C-alpha atoms as a PDB file:
ATOM      1  CA  MET A   1     -34.539  51.342-104.828  1.00  0.00           C
ATOM      2  CA  VAL A   2     -33.861  51.870-101.118  1.00  0.00           C
ATOM      3  CA  HIS A   3     -31.094  49.992 -99.353  1.00  0.00           C
ATOM      4  CA  LYS A   4     -31.914  48.428 -96.018  1.00  0.00           C
ATOM      5  CA  ASP A   5     -28.578  49.612 -94.532  1.00  0.00           C
ATOM      6  CA  VAL A   6     -29.398  53.299 -94.883  1.00  0.00           C
ATOM      7  CA  VAL A   7     -30.339  54.968 -91.587  1.00  0.00           C
ATOM      8  CA  THR A   8     -33.146  57.482 -91.903  1.00  0.00           C
ATOM      9  CA  ASN A   9     -33.555  60.598 -89.780  1.00  0.00           C
ATOM     10  CA  GLU A  10     -36.374  58.937 -87.859  1.00  0.00           C
ATOM     11  CA  GLN A  11     -34.163  55.985 -86.916  1.00  0.00           C
ATOM     12  CA  ALA A  12     -31.248  58.223 -85.965  1.00  0.00           C
ATOM     13  CA  SER A  13     -33.382  60.216 -83.532  1.00  0.00           C
ATOM     14  CA  GLU A  14     -34.478  56.996 -81.820  1.00  0.00           C
ATOM     15  CA  THR A  15     -30.960  55.877 -80.875  1.00  0.00           C
ATOM     16  CA  VAL A  16     -30.504  55.304 -77.166  1.00  0.00           C
ATOM     17  CA  GLN A  17     -27.646  56.979 -75.337  1.00  0.00           C
ATOM     18  CA  SER A  18     -25.683  55.009 -72.802  1.00  0.00           C
ATOM     19  CA  PRO A  19     -26.191  55.955 -69.129  1.00  0.00           C
ATOM     20  CA  TRP A  20     -24.333  59.018 -67.865  1.00  0.00           C
ATOM     21  CA  TYR A  21     -22.186  56.983 -65.480  1.00  0.00           C
ATOM     22  CA  LYS A  22     -20.824  54.889 -68.343  1.00  0.00           C
ATOM     23  CA  ARG A  23     -19.944  58.003 -70.319  1.00  0.00           C
ATOM     24  CA  VAL A  24     -18.289  59.613 -67.276  1.00  0.00           C
ATOM     25  CA  GLY A  25     -16.544  56.312 -66.538  1.00  0.00           C
ATOM     26  CA  TRP A  26     -14.996  56.237 -69.994  1.00  0.00           C
ATOM     27  CA  LEU A  27     -13.940  59.874 -69.614  1.00  0.00           C
ATOM     28  CA  VAL A  28     -12.234  59.128 -66.287  1.00  0.00           C
ATOM     29  CA  LEU A  29     -10.626  55.961 -67.680  1.00  0.00           C
ATOM     30  CA  ILE A  30      -9.199  57.785 -70.702  1.00  0.00           C
ATOM     31  CA  TYR A  31      -7.966  60.655 -68.490  1.00  0.00           C
ATOM     32  CA  VAL A  32      -6.261  58.343 -65.984  1.00  0.00           C
ATOM     33  CA  GLY A  33      -4.754  56.290 -68.814  1.00  0.00           C
ATOM     34  CA  SER A  34      -3.298  59.381 -70.448  1.00  0.00           C
ATOM     35  CA  VAL A  35      -1.832  60.630 -67.146  1.00  0.00           C
ATOM     36  CA  VAL A  36      -0.227  57.222 -66.505  1.00  0.00           C
ATOM     37  CA  ALA A  37       1.180  57.119 -70.058  1.00  0.00           C
ATOM     38  CA  LEU A  38       2.628  60.613 -69.657  1.00  0.00           C
ATOM     39  CA  GLY A  39       4.187  59.641 -66.315  1.00  0.00           C
ATOM     40  CA  LEU A  40       5.786  56.530 -67.817  1.00  0.00           C
ATOM     41  CA  PHE A  41       7.132  58.565 -70.724  1.00  0.00           C
ATOM     42  CA  ALA A  42       8.607  61.147 -68.319  1.00  0.00           C
ATOM     43  CA  MET A  43      10.256  58.388 -66.254  1.00  0.00           C
ATOM     44  CA  LEU A  44      11.717  56.877 -69.420  1.00  0.00           C
ATOM     45  CA  ILE A  45      13.188  60.228 -70.476  1.00  0.00           C
ATOM     46  CA  ARG A  46      14.602  60.717 -66.978  1.00  0.00           C
ATOM     47  CA  LEU A  47      16.160  57.231 -67.109  1.00  0.00           C
ATOM     48  CA  PHE A  48      17.834  57.981 -70.429  1.00  0.00           C
ATOM     49  CA  MET A  49      19.079  61.353 -69.216  1.00  0.00           C
ATOM     50  CA  THR A  50      20.532  59.777 -66.059  1.00  0.00           C
ATOM     51  CA  ALA A  51      22.199  57.063 -68.147  1.00  0.00           C
ATOM     52  CA  ALA A  52      23.747  59.767 -70.337  1.00  0.00           C
ATOM     53  CA  GLY A  53      25.240  61.448 -67.272  1.00  0.00           C
ATOM     54  CA  MET A  54      22.785  64.305 -66.910  1.00  0.00           C
ATOM     55  CA  LYS A  55      21.772  64.438 -63.243  1.00  0.00           C
ATOM     56  CA  SER A  56      19.844  67.131 -61.468  1.00  0.00           C
ATOM     57  CA  HIS A  57      21.484  68.581 -58.365  1.00  0.00           C
END
């Protein structure tokens, strides 16, 4: 008994990849998002350090 949900090797080789510009677009989007998140985290740490009285000279 074969289930209809099972993907065979023939079906797997026929899958279509998305265009290169979509893949590069996602890469750029994830990179920019991670840089923005890191910047916000750094600003938050700096805010807390300034509030605690630790200032850079």
